[in-house]
Structures are given as C-alpha cells and as structure tokens.
Amino acid sequence: MPKLSKDKRKAREMYPKRRKRQKVDPPPPTALPPPEALTAPVQLSQEAEDEAKALGLYAAVSRIPGAGTGLFTSRSIAKGARVIEYKGEVLTKTQYQERYPDEKKPPQYMAATQRGYVDAANPALSNYARFANGSHVTLRSGRHKKVATVNTELLGSGWIVSMMAIPENGELIYDYGKDFTILV
C-alpha cells in the first residue's frame, strides 16, 4: 500500500469514508381507530359477504364528509397488494349510454375498466369494492376538489391495488380518473 502524504492523511482523518446506508424497512403502519358503524346493514349476497370477510374488508361510515359508506380493512395491507376485484354487470359504452341517458355525472357504484363499464348497482351482482370512495368531489361549480389521500388504484383489469401500506381500519380510496368522471 502506497504511503500517503501528510495532507492526504489529514484529509482522511477529517473526512472518513462514508459507509453505505443500510436499507431499513419502514415501520408497519399503526392501526387507526375503527370508523363509525353503519346504522343500516349492507345488503349484498352471501358470497360477497364471505369474500369481504376472507379479505379482511368491511363497510362503515366514510371518513370523507358527505361520502356515505366507505370500504375499510380490518388488517393492514402491504404496498402493491391486490385488494379486491370490482364486480358487477359489465356494460359497453353504448349500453351505458342507453341505461343512463340523462346522467350528467356517473351513477353511484360504477367503474370504468378495460372490460367496459362495471355497473355495481345491483347488490346481487356486486361486492364490497363498490364502497371504495374516490379522492375528489365535484363542486357545484363543476370543478373537482381533492378531499382525501389516494392509497389504492383501480387497474384496467378491475382490481383495486394498494399504492402504499394501508393500516388496520384504514379506508380504501382511489382516484376515479377522467374516464370515470366524464363517461359520456
């Protein structure tokens, strides 16, 4: 090993080599307090009830003011996890326009996917995914206002996927997107 000059030795003493930072996993999200319970029970098929229970999902009063019912998780969800598939009757754009000809905004329980528009209005054909709320509300002026942090996304396949770790009792919220807010 070559001998270092006095200046270089002094510099090494003053500025030691930096150690590489070890990657540390972020701490798991802390559980949130349970949301307010619904006054009226959710009326979906037994299959939908069983699916929600198995996935650790439940419906309760949304934490978003004026949003009604929200979708919550009874256990923490890791980032990137497929949470639930949005189910309902699949409509083409033509079928959607025939069914909802006078709608200025999309009806409740509707999602735009690669399969078409998924109409989850019929409780017998839908599941708990219908209760996942959007992050924006439409104001009377027609403008959109963000009211909540997005923590999931609805993929074109119809699956709701977590974009970040979601704590126990966390509400699942996604951005409905332009295809949903301007369907016709």
N, C-alpha and C. Protein backbone atom coordinates (compact mmCIF):
# COMPACT_ATOMS: atom_id res chain seq x y z
N MET A 1 0.85 -1.17 0.00
CA MET A 1 0.00 0.00 0.00
C MET A 1 0.90 1.23 0.00
N PRO A 2 0.63 2.15 -0.93
CA PRO A 2 1.49 3.33 -1.00
C PRO A 2 1.31 4.23 0.23
N LYS A 3 2.39 4.88 0.57
CA LYS A 3 2.36 5.77 1.72
C LYS A 3 1.67 7.08 1.31
N LEU A 4 0.75 7.53 2.16
CA LEU A 4 0.00 8.76 1.87
C LEU A 4 0.77 9.97 2.34
N SER A 5 0.62 11.06 1.62
CA SER A 5 1.25 12.31 2.03
C SER A 5 0.56 12.81 3.30
N LYS A 6 1.23 13.73 3.96
CA LYS A 6 0.71 14.28 5.20
C LYS A 6 -0.65 14.93 4.99
N ASP A 7 -0.81 15.65 3.87
CA ASP A 7 -2.09 16.32 3.58
C ASP A 7 -3.22 15.32 3.36
N LYS A 8 -2.93 14.24 2.64
CA LYS A 8 -3.96 13.24 2.37
C LYS A 8 -4.36 12.51 3.65
N ARG A 9 -3.37 12.22 4.53
CA ARG A 9 -3.69 11.56 5.80
C ARG A 9 -4.59 12.46 6.64
N LYS A 10 -4.26 13.73 6.66
CA LYS A 10 -5.04 14.68 7.44
C LYS A 10 -6.47 14.76 6.88
N ALA A 11 -6.59 14.77 5.55
CA ALA A 11 -7.91 14.81 4.92
C ALA A 11 -8.72 13.56 5.27
N ARG A 12 -8.09 12.40 5.26
CA ARG A 12 -8.81 11.16 5.60
C ARG A 12 -9.28 11.18 7.05
N GLU A 13 -8.49 11.75 7.91
CA GLU A 13 -8.88 11.84 9.32
C GLU A 13 -10.07 12.78 9.49
N MET A 14 -10.03 13.87 8.75
CA MET A 14 -11.11 14.85 8.85
C MET A 14 -12.39 14.36 8.16
N TYR A 15 -12.21 13.66 7.04
CA TYR A 15 -13.36 13.21 6.25
C TYR A 15 -13.26 11.70 6.04
N PRO A 16 -13.67 10.92 7.02
CA PRO A 16 -13.57 9.47 6.84
C PRO A 16 -14.51 9.00 5.73
N LYS A 17 -14.23 7.81 5.21
CA LYS A 17 -15.08 7.25 4.15
C LYS A 17 -16.49 7.08 4.68
N ARG A 18 -17.40 7.41 3.82
CA ARG A 18 -18.80 7.25 4.20
C ARG A 18 -19.21 5.80 4.05
N ARG A 19 -19.92 5.36 5.01
CA ARG A 19 -20.46 4.00 4.93
C ARG A 19 -21.77 4.04 4.16
N LYS A 20 -22.00 2.99 3.41
CA LYS A 20 -23.28 2.92 2.69
C LYS A 20 -24.39 2.73 3.70
N ARG A 21 -25.47 3.45 3.46
CA ARG A 21 -26.63 3.30 4.34
C ARG A 21 -27.30 1.98 4.08
N GLN A 22 -27.63 1.33 5.16
CA GLN A 22 -28.37 0.08 5.01
C GLN A 22 -29.84 0.42 4.85
N LYS A 23 -30.47 -0.30 3.92
CA LYS A 23 -31.90 -0.06 3.71
C LYS A 23 -32.66 -0.62 4.91
N VAL A 24 -33.51 0.21 5.44
CA VAL A 24 -34.32 -0.18 6.58
C VAL A 24 -35.77 -0.15 6.14
N ASP A 25 -36.47 -1.23 6.37
CA ASP A 25 -37.89 -1.27 6.02
C ASP A 25 -38.63 -0.27 6.89
N PRO A 26 -39.59 0.45 6.28
CA PRO A 26 -40.35 1.40 7.09
C PRO A 26 -41.17 0.64 8.13
N PRO A 27 -41.45 1.27 9.25
CA PRO A 27 -42.25 0.57 10.26
C PRO A 27 -43.65 0.30 9.72
N PRO A 28 -44.27 -0.77 10.18
CA PRO A 28 -45.63 -1.04 9.70
C PRO A 28 -46.56 0.09 10.13
N PRO A 29 -47.57 0.39 9.31
CA PRO A 29 -48.47 1.48 9.67
C PRO A 29 -49.21 1.15 10.96
N THR A 30 -49.43 2.16 11.76
CA THR A 30 -50.15 1.93 13.01
C THR A 30 -51.65 1.88 12.73
N ALA A 31 -52.33 1.08 13.49
CA ALA A 31 -53.77 0.90 13.30
C ALA A 31 -54.50 2.20 13.63
N LEU A 32 -55.52 2.47 12.85
CA LEU A 32 -56.38 3.63 13.09
C LEU A 32 -57.55 3.21 13.96
N PRO A 33 -58.20 4.15 14.63
CA PRO A 33 -59.38 3.77 15.40
C PRO A 33 -60.48 3.33 14.43
N PRO A 34 -61.32 2.40 14.84
CA PRO A 34 -62.40 1.96 13.94
C PRO A 34 -63.31 3.12 13.57
N PRO A 35 -63.82 3.11 12.33
CA PRO A 35 -64.74 4.17 11.92
C PRO A 35 -66.11 3.98 12.56
N GLU A 36 -66.95 4.97 12.38
CA GLU A 36 -68.31 4.89 12.91
C GLU A 36 -69.07 3.77 12.19
N ALA A 37 -69.78 2.97 12.94
CA ALA A 37 -70.53 1.85 12.36
C ALA A 37 -71.72 2.37 11.55
N LEU A 38 -72.12 1.58 10.56
CA LEU A 38 -73.29 1.94 9.75
C LEU A 38 -74.56 1.74 10.56
N THR A 39 -75.55 2.60 10.32
CA THR A 39 -76.82 2.45 11.02
C THR A 39 -77.67 1.37 10.35
N ALA A 40 -77.54 1.22 9.05
CA ALA A 40 -78.28 0.18 8.32
C ALA A 40 -77.27 -0.84 7.78
N PRO A 41 -77.55 -2.12 7.93
CA PRO A 41 -76.60 -3.13 7.45
C PRO A 41 -76.52 -3.12 5.92
N VAL A 42 -75.37 -3.50 5.41
CA VAL A 42 -75.15 -3.60 3.97
C VAL A 42 -75.86 -4.86 3.48
N GLN A 43 -76.61 -4.74 2.38
CA GLN A 43 -77.36 -5.87 1.84
C GLN A 43 -76.73 -6.35 0.55
N LEU A 44 -75.78 -7.27 0.65
CA LEU A 44 -75.15 -7.88 -0.52
C LEU A 44 -75.34 -9.38 -0.43
N SER A 45 -74.97 -10.09 -1.49
CA SER A 45 -75.12 -11.54 -1.49
C SER A 45 -74.24 -12.18 -0.42
N GLN A 46 -74.58 -13.40 -0.03
CA GLN A 46 -73.78 -14.12 0.97
C GLN A 46 -72.37 -14.36 0.45
N GLU A 47 -72.26 -14.58 -0.85
CA GLU A 47 -70.94 -14.77 -1.48
C GLU A 47 -70.07 -13.52 -1.30
N ALA A 48 -70.67 -12.34 -1.49
CA ALA A 48 -69.95 -11.08 -1.33
C ALA A 48 -69.56 -10.87 0.13
N GLU A 49 -70.45 -11.23 1.04
CA GLU A 49 -70.16 -11.12 2.48
C GLU A 49 -68.98 -12.01 2.86
N ASP A 50 -69.00 -13.26 2.37
CA ASP A 50 -67.93 -14.22 2.67
C ASP A 50 -66.60 -13.75 2.08
N GLU A 51 -66.64 -13.22 0.85
CA GLU A 51 -65.43 -12.71 0.20
C GLU A 51 -64.82 -11.56 1.01
N ALA A 52 -65.66 -10.62 1.43
CA ALA A 52 -65.18 -9.47 2.20
C ALA A 52 -64.56 -9.92 3.52
N LYS A 53 -65.20 -10.85 4.18
CA LYS A 53 -64.69 -11.36 5.46
C LYS A 53 -63.34 -12.03 5.26
N ALA A 54 -63.21 -12.83 4.21
CA ALA A 54 -61.95 -13.53 3.93
C ALA A 54 -60.82 -12.54 3.59
N LEU A 55 -61.16 -11.44 2.93
CA LEU A 55 -60.17 -10.44 2.54
C LEU A 55 -59.90 -9.41 3.65
N GLY A 56 -60.67 -9.48 4.72
CA GLY A 56 -60.49 -8.54 5.82
C GLY A 56 -61.04 -7.16 5.51
N LEU A 57 -62.15 -7.09 4.77
CA LEU A 57 -62.76 -5.82 4.39
C LEU A 57 -64.13 -5.68 5.04
N TYR A 58 -64.52 -4.44 5.30
CA TYR A 58 -65.85 -4.19 5.83
C TYR A 58 -66.31 -2.79 5.43
N ALA A 59 -67.62 -2.58 5.47
CA ALA A 59 -68.21 -1.29 5.14
C ALA A 59 -68.55 -0.56 6.43
N ALA A 60 -68.31 0.76 6.43
CA ALA A 60 -68.64 1.61 7.57
C ALA A 60 -68.84 3.03 7.05
N VAL A 61 -69.18 3.94 7.93
CA VAL A 61 -69.37 5.33 7.54
C VAL A 61 -68.02 5.89 7.10
N SER A 62 -67.97 6.46 5.90
CA SER A 62 -66.74 7.01 5.35
C SER A 62 -66.23 8.16 6.19
N ARG A 63 -64.92 8.31 6.25
CA ARG A 63 -64.31 9.45 6.94
C ARG A 63 -64.33 10.71 6.07
N ILE A 64 -64.70 10.55 4.79
CA ILE A 64 -64.83 11.69 3.89
C ILE A 64 -66.21 12.31 4.12
N PRO A 65 -66.26 13.57 4.49
CA PRO A 65 -67.56 14.20 4.77
C PRO A 65 -68.51 14.09 3.57
N GLY A 66 -69.72 13.62 3.83
CA GLY A 66 -70.75 13.54 2.80
C GLY A 66 -70.61 12.39 1.83
N ALA A 67 -69.65 11.49 2.04
CA ALA A 67 -69.43 10.39 1.09
C ALA A 67 -70.30 9.17 1.36
N GLY A 68 -70.94 9.10 2.52
CA GLY A 68 -71.79 7.94 2.81
C GLY A 68 -70.98 6.76 3.31
N THR A 69 -71.13 5.62 2.65
CA THR A 69 -70.46 4.39 3.06
C THR A 69 -69.06 4.32 2.46
N GLY A 70 -68.12 3.79 3.23
CA GLY A 70 -66.75 3.63 2.76
C GLY A 70 -66.29 2.19 2.93
N LEU A 71 -65.22 1.83 2.26
CA LEU A 71 -64.64 0.48 2.35
C LEU A 71 -63.40 0.55 3.24
N PHE A 72 -63.36 -0.30 4.25
CA PHE A 72 -62.27 -0.31 5.23
C PHE A 72 -61.64 -1.69 5.31
N THR A 73 -60.44 -1.73 5.84
CA THR A 73 -59.74 -3.00 6.02
C THR A 73 -59.58 -3.30 7.51
N SER A 74 -59.81 -4.54 7.89
CA SER A 74 -59.69 -4.91 9.31
C SER A 74 -58.27 -5.36 9.65
N ARG A 75 -57.39 -5.37 8.65
CA ARG A 75 -55.99 -5.70 8.89
C ARG A 75 -55.14 -4.83 7.96
N SER A 76 -53.86 -4.71 8.29
CA SER A 76 -53.00 -3.86 7.46
C SER A 76 -52.77 -4.53 6.10
N ILE A 77 -52.57 -3.70 5.08
CA ILE A 77 -52.37 -4.18 3.71
C ILE A 77 -51.04 -3.64 3.23
N ALA A 78 -50.21 -4.51 2.66
CA ALA A 78 -48.89 -4.12 2.16
C ALA A 78 -49.02 -3.36 0.84
N LYS A 79 -48.02 -2.53 0.56
CA LYS A 79 -47.97 -1.80 -0.71
C LYS A 79 -47.91 -2.80 -1.86
N GLY A 80 -48.69 -2.56 -2.90
CA GLY A 80 -48.68 -3.39 -4.09
C GLY A 80 -49.60 -4.61 -4.03
N ALA A 81 -50.33 -4.78 -2.94
CA ALA A 81 -51.21 -5.94 -2.80
C ALA A 81 -52.51 -5.74 -3.59
N ARG A 82 -52.95 -6.81 -4.25
CA ARG A 82 -54.27 -6.78 -4.88
C ARG A 82 -55.29 -6.95 -3.77
N VAL A 83 -56.18 -5.98 -3.66
CA VAL A 83 -57.10 -5.97 -2.52
C VAL A 83 -58.41 -6.67 -2.85
N ILE A 84 -59.09 -6.21 -3.89
CA ILE A 84 -60.39 -6.78 -4.26
C ILE A 84 -60.70 -6.42 -5.70
N GLU A 85 -61.42 -7.28 -6.39
CA GLU A 85 -61.81 -7.01 -7.77
C GLU A 85 -63.18 -6.33 -7.77
N TYR A 86 -63.31 -5.27 -8.58
CA TYR A 86 -64.57 -4.55 -8.70
C TYR A 86 -65.51 -5.41 -9.54
N LYS A 87 -66.61 -5.87 -8.95
CA LYS A 87 -67.54 -6.77 -9.65
C LYS A 87 -68.89 -6.12 -9.87
N GLY A 88 -69.53 -6.53 -10.92
CA GLY A 88 -70.86 -6.03 -11.26
C GLY A 88 -71.16 -6.40 -12.70
N GLU A 89 -72.23 -5.83 -13.23
CA GLU A 89 -72.61 -6.09 -14.61
C GLU A 89 -71.72 -5.26 -15.54
N VAL A 90 -71.08 -5.92 -16.51
CA VAL A 90 -70.18 -5.23 -17.43
C VAL A 90 -71.00 -4.68 -18.61
N LEU A 91 -70.86 -3.37 -18.85
CA LEU A 91 -71.60 -2.70 -19.93
C LEU A 91 -70.63 -2.13 -20.95
N THR A 92 -71.04 -2.13 -22.21
CA THR A 92 -70.28 -1.41 -23.24
C THR A 92 -70.65 0.07 -23.11
N LYS A 93 -69.94 0.92 -23.83
CA LYS A 93 -70.26 2.36 -23.77
C LYS A 93 -71.68 2.61 -24.26
N THR A 94 -72.09 1.91 -25.32
CA THR A 94 -73.44 2.05 -25.87
C THR A 94 -74.49 1.63 -24.84
N GLN A 95 -74.26 0.48 -24.19
CA GLN A 95 -75.20 0.00 -23.17
C GLN A 95 -75.28 0.98 -22.00
N TYR A 96 -74.12 1.52 -21.63
CA TYR A 96 -74.09 2.50 -20.54
C TYR A 96 -74.93 3.72 -20.90
N GLN A 97 -74.75 4.25 -22.13
CA GLN A 97 -75.48 5.44 -22.56
C GLN A 97 -76.97 5.16 -22.67
N GLU A 98 -77.36 3.95 -23.06
CA GLU A 98 -78.78 3.60 -23.13
C GLU A 98 -79.39 3.49 -21.74
N ARG A 99 -78.64 2.92 -20.79
CA ARG A 99 -79.15 2.74 -19.43
C ARG A 99 -79.21 4.06 -18.67
N TYR A 100 -78.23 4.92 -18.87
CA TYR A 100 -78.16 6.18 -18.14
C TYR A 100 -78.08 7.35 -19.14
N PRO A 101 -79.14 7.59 -19.93
CA PRO A 101 -79.09 8.61 -20.99
C PRO A 101 -79.02 10.05 -20.48
N ASP A 102 -79.58 10.33 -19.32
CA ASP A 102 -79.66 11.71 -18.84
C ASP A 102 -78.64 12.02 -17.75
N GLU A 103 -77.72 11.11 -17.52
CA GLU A 103 -76.75 11.32 -16.44
C GLU A 103 -75.71 12.36 -16.82
N LYS A 104 -75.59 13.40 -16.02
CA LYS A 104 -74.56 14.41 -16.23
C LYS A 104 -73.26 13.98 -15.55
N LYS A 105 -73.40 13.18 -14.52
CA LYS A 105 -72.24 12.59 -13.86
C LYS A 105 -72.51 11.09 -13.70
N PRO A 106 -71.46 10.30 -13.54
CA PRO A 106 -71.66 8.85 -13.46
C PRO A 106 -72.53 8.46 -12.27
N PRO A 107 -73.32 7.42 -12.43
CA PRO A 107 -74.15 6.96 -11.31
C PRO A 107 -73.27 6.36 -10.21
N GLN A 108 -73.85 6.25 -9.05
CA GLN A 108 -73.15 5.63 -7.93
C GLN A 108 -72.88 4.16 -8.27
N TYR A 109 -71.79 3.61 -7.77
CA TYR A 109 -71.41 2.22 -7.97
C TYR A 109 -71.11 1.89 -9.44
N MET A 110 -70.28 2.70 -10.06
CA MET A 110 -69.88 2.49 -11.45
C MET A 110 -68.37 2.64 -11.54
N ALA A 111 -67.72 1.76 -12.32
CA ALA A 111 -66.27 1.86 -12.52
C ALA A 111 -65.94 1.62 -13.99
N ALA A 112 -64.97 2.37 -14.50
CA ALA A 112 -64.51 2.19 -15.88
C ALA A 112 -63.28 1.29 -15.86
N THR A 113 -63.33 0.18 -16.62
CA THR A 113 -62.21 -0.75 -16.70
C THR A 113 -61.96 -1.11 -18.16
N GLN A 114 -60.95 -1.95 -18.40
CA GLN A 114 -60.68 -2.43 -19.76
C GLN A 114 -61.82 -3.30 -20.27
N ARG A 115 -62.53 -3.92 -19.36
CA ARG A 115 -63.65 -4.79 -19.75
C ARG A 115 -64.86 -3.99 -20.18
N GLY A 116 -64.89 -2.72 -19.83
CA GLY A 116 -66.03 -1.87 -20.11
C GLY A 116 -66.41 -1.15 -18.83
N TYR A 117 -67.63 -0.71 -18.73
CA TYR A 117 -68.11 -0.04 -17.53
C TYR A 117 -68.74 -1.09 -16.63
N VAL A 118 -68.27 -1.17 -15.40
CA VAL A 118 -68.79 -2.15 -14.45
C VAL A 118 -69.83 -1.46 -13.59
N ASP A 119 -71.09 -1.88 -13.76
CA ASP A 119 -72.22 -1.33 -13.03
C ASP A 119 -72.48 -2.22 -11.82
N ALA A 120 -72.16 -1.71 -10.63
CA ALA A 120 -72.32 -2.48 -9.40
C ALA A 120 -73.56 -2.05 -8.62
N ALA A 121 -74.53 -1.47 -9.31
CA ALA A 121 -75.75 -1.00 -8.64
C ALA A 121 -76.59 -2.16 -8.11
N ASN A 122 -76.56 -3.29 -8.79
CA ASN A 122 -77.34 -4.45 -8.36
C ASN A 122 -76.56 -5.19 -7.27
N PRO A 123 -77.07 -5.20 -6.02
CA PRO A 123 -76.35 -5.85 -4.93
C PRO A 123 -76.12 -7.35 -5.15
N ALA A 124 -76.98 -7.99 -5.93
CA ALA A 124 -76.82 -9.42 -6.18
C ALA A 124 -75.61 -9.71 -7.07
N LEU A 125 -75.17 -8.74 -7.88
CA LEU A 125 -74.06 -8.95 -8.80
C LEU A 125 -72.76 -8.28 -8.35
N SER A 126 -72.82 -7.47 -7.30
CA SER A 126 -71.64 -6.69 -6.91
C SER A 126 -70.99 -7.24 -5.64
N ASN A 127 -69.95 -6.55 -5.20
CA ASN A 127 -69.27 -6.92 -3.96
C ASN A 127 -68.86 -5.65 -3.21
N TYR A 128 -68.05 -5.80 -2.17
CA TYR A 128 -67.68 -4.67 -1.32
C TYR A 128 -66.83 -3.62 -2.02
N ALA A 129 -66.23 -3.93 -3.16
CA ALA A 129 -65.42 -2.94 -3.88
C ALA A 129 -66.25 -1.70 -4.22
N ARG A 130 -67.54 -1.86 -4.35
CA ARG A 130 -68.42 -0.73 -4.69
C ARG A 130 -68.39 0.37 -3.65
N PHE A 131 -67.91 0.08 -2.43
CA PHE A 131 -67.89 1.07 -1.37
C PHE A 131 -66.59 1.87 -1.29
N ALA A 132 -65.60 1.54 -2.14
CA ALA A 132 -64.35 2.32 -2.16
C ALA A 132 -64.66 3.69 -2.74
N ASN A 133 -64.36 4.72 -2.00
CA ASN A 133 -64.68 6.09 -2.42
C ASN A 133 -63.57 6.72 -3.23
N GLY A 134 -63.93 7.74 -3.97
CA GLY A 134 -62.97 8.50 -4.75
C GLY A 134 -62.34 9.60 -3.92
N SER A 135 -61.21 10.09 -4.40
CA SER A 135 -60.47 11.10 -3.65
C SER A 135 -60.95 12.51 -3.95
N HIS A 136 -61.79 12.69 -4.95
CA HIS A 136 -62.26 14.02 -5.34
C HIS A 136 -63.78 14.09 -5.27
N VAL A 137 -64.29 15.28 -5.02
CA VAL A 137 -65.73 15.51 -5.10
C VAL A 137 -65.95 16.59 -6.14
N THR A 138 -67.11 16.56 -6.78
CA THR A 138 -67.45 17.59 -7.76
C THR A 138 -68.20 18.70 -7.04
N LEU A 139 -67.71 19.90 -7.18
CA LEU A 139 -68.35 21.05 -6.55
C LEU A 139 -69.49 21.56 -7.42
N ARG A 140 -70.33 22.42 -6.87
CA ARG A 140 -71.45 22.96 -7.65
C ARG A 140 -70.97 23.70 -8.89
N SER A 141 -69.76 24.25 -8.82
CA SER A 141 -69.22 24.99 -9.95
C SER A 141 -68.75 24.06 -11.07
N GLY A 142 -68.74 22.74 -10.80
CA GLY A 142 -68.28 21.78 -11.80
C GLY A 142 -66.82 21.42 -11.65
N ARG A 143 -66.10 22.15 -10.79
CA ARG A 143 -64.69 21.86 -10.55
C ARG A 143 -64.57 20.70 -9.58
N HIS A 144 -63.40 20.06 -9.60
CA HIS A 144 -63.15 18.93 -8.69
C HIS A 144 -62.25 19.38 -7.55
N LYS A 145 -62.51 18.88 -6.37
CA LYS A 145 -61.72 19.22 -5.19
C LYS A 145 -61.24 17.92 -4.56
N LYS A 146 -59.93 17.84 -4.28
CA LYS A 146 -59.37 16.66 -3.63
C LYS A 146 -59.74 16.71 -2.15
N VAL A 147 -60.32 15.61 -1.64
CA VAL A 147 -60.76 15.58 -0.25
C VAL A 147 -60.07 14.49 0.56
N ALA A 148 -59.31 13.62 -0.09
CA ALA A 148 -58.67 12.53 0.64
C ALA A 148 -57.42 12.09 -0.11
N THR A 149 -56.51 11.44 0.61
CA THR A 149 -55.29 10.91 0.01
C THR A 149 -55.58 9.58 -0.66
N VAL A 150 -55.12 9.45 -1.90
CA VAL A 150 -55.31 8.20 -2.64
C VAL A 150 -54.35 7.16 -2.09
N ASN A 151 -54.87 5.98 -1.73
CA ASN A 151 -54.00 4.92 -1.27
C ASN A 151 -54.15 3.63 -2.07
N THR A 152 -55.05 3.63 -3.03
CA THR A 152 -55.22 2.48 -3.91
C THR A 152 -55.45 2.99 -5.33
N GLU A 153 -55.36 2.09 -6.29
CA GLU A 153 -55.73 2.45 -7.65
C GLU A 153 -56.55 1.32 -8.25
N LEU A 154 -57.44 1.69 -9.15
CA LEU A 154 -58.26 0.72 -9.86
C LEU A 154 -57.56 0.43 -11.17
N LEU A 155 -57.03 -0.77 -11.30
CA LEU A 155 -56.36 -1.14 -12.54
C LEU A 155 -57.39 -1.36 -13.64
N GLY A 156 -56.95 -1.33 -14.88
CA GLY A 156 -57.84 -1.56 -16.01
C GLY A 156 -58.52 -2.92 -15.94
N SER A 157 -57.88 -3.87 -15.25
CA SER A 157 -58.46 -5.20 -15.11
C SER A 157 -59.64 -5.22 -14.14
N GLY A 158 -59.78 -4.15 -13.37
CA GLY A 158 -60.87 -4.09 -12.40
C GLY A 158 -60.42 -4.39 -10.98
N TRP A 159 -59.14 -4.63 -10.77
CA TRP A 159 -58.62 -4.91 -9.43
C TRP A 159 -58.25 -3.61 -8.73
N ILE A 160 -58.60 -3.49 -7.47
CA ILE A 160 -58.16 -2.39 -6.64
C ILE A 160 -56.86 -2.86 -5.98
N VAL A 161 -55.78 -2.09 -6.19
CA VAL A 161 -54.44 -2.44 -5.72
C VAL A 161 -53.93 -1.33 -4.81
N SER A 162 -53.27 -1.71 -3.71
CA SER A 162 -52.76 -0.70 -2.77
C SER A 162 -51.52 -0.03 -3.34
N MET A 163 -51.46 1.28 -3.25
CA MET A 163 -50.30 2.06 -3.73
C MET A 163 -49.34 2.37 -2.58
N MET A 164 -49.77 2.12 -1.36
CA MET A 164 -48.95 2.34 -0.18
C MET A 164 -49.46 1.38 0.90
N ALA A 165 -48.69 1.25 1.96
CA ALA A 165 -49.15 0.42 3.07
C ALA A 165 -50.38 1.08 3.69
N ILE A 166 -51.39 0.28 3.93
CA ILE A 166 -52.65 0.80 4.49
C ILE A 166 -52.81 0.18 5.88
N PRO A 167 -52.99 1.02 6.91
CA PRO A 167 -53.08 0.49 8.27
C PRO A 167 -54.43 -0.19 8.53
N GLU A 168 -54.46 -0.95 9.58
CA GLU A 168 -55.70 -1.57 10.04
C GLU A 168 -56.74 -0.47 10.25
N ASN A 169 -57.96 -0.70 9.86
CA ASN A 169 -59.08 0.25 9.92
C ASN A 169 -58.89 1.43 8.98
N GLY A 170 -57.99 1.30 8.01
CA GLY A 170 -57.80 2.35 7.01
C GLY A 170 -58.89 2.27 5.94
N GLU A 171 -59.29 3.44 5.43
CA GLU A 171 -60.30 3.48 4.37
C GLU A 171 -59.61 3.39 3.01
N LEU A 172 -60.15 2.58 2.12
CA LEU A 172 -59.59 2.42 0.77
C LEU A 172 -60.17 3.51 -0.12
N ILE A 173 -59.26 4.31 -0.70
CA ILE A 173 -59.66 5.46 -1.51
C ILE A 173 -58.86 5.44 -2.79
N TYR A 174 -59.51 5.65 -3.93
CA TYR A 174 -58.77 5.73 -5.19
C TYR A 174 -59.28 6.89 -6.03
N ASP A 175 -58.49 7.27 -7.03
CA ASP A 175 -58.86 8.35 -7.93
C ASP A 175 -59.69 7.74 -9.04
N TYR A 176 -60.92 8.15 -9.16
CA TYR A 176 -61.80 7.59 -10.19
C TYR A 176 -61.26 7.83 -11.59
N GLY A 177 -60.54 8.90 -11.79
CA GLY A 177 -59.93 9.19 -13.09
C GLY A 177 -60.86 9.88 -14.06
N LYS A 178 -60.27 10.36 -15.16
CA LYS A 178 -61.04 11.09 -16.17
C LYS A 178 -62.06 10.20 -16.85
N ASP A 179 -61.72 8.93 -17.10
CA ASP A 179 -62.67 8.03 -17.76
C ASP A 179 -63.93 7.85 -16.94
N PHE A 180 -63.81 7.98 -15.63
CA PHE A 180 -64.98 7.80 -14.78
C PHE A 180 -65.77 9.08 -14.59
N THR A 181 -65.06 10.18 -14.43
CA THR A 181 -65.78 11.43 -14.18
C THR A 181 -66.43 11.99 -15.44
N ILE A 182 -65.93 11.59 -16.60
CA ILE A 182 -66.54 12.04 -17.86
C ILE A 182 -66.79 10.79 -18.72
N LEU A 183 -67.80 10.01 -18.35
CA LEU A 183 -68.04 8.75 -19.06
C LEU A 183 -68.68 8.94 -20.43
N VAL A 184 -69.53 9.92 -20.56
CA VAL A 184 -70.24 10.07 -21.84
C VAL A 184 -69.76 11.28 -22.61
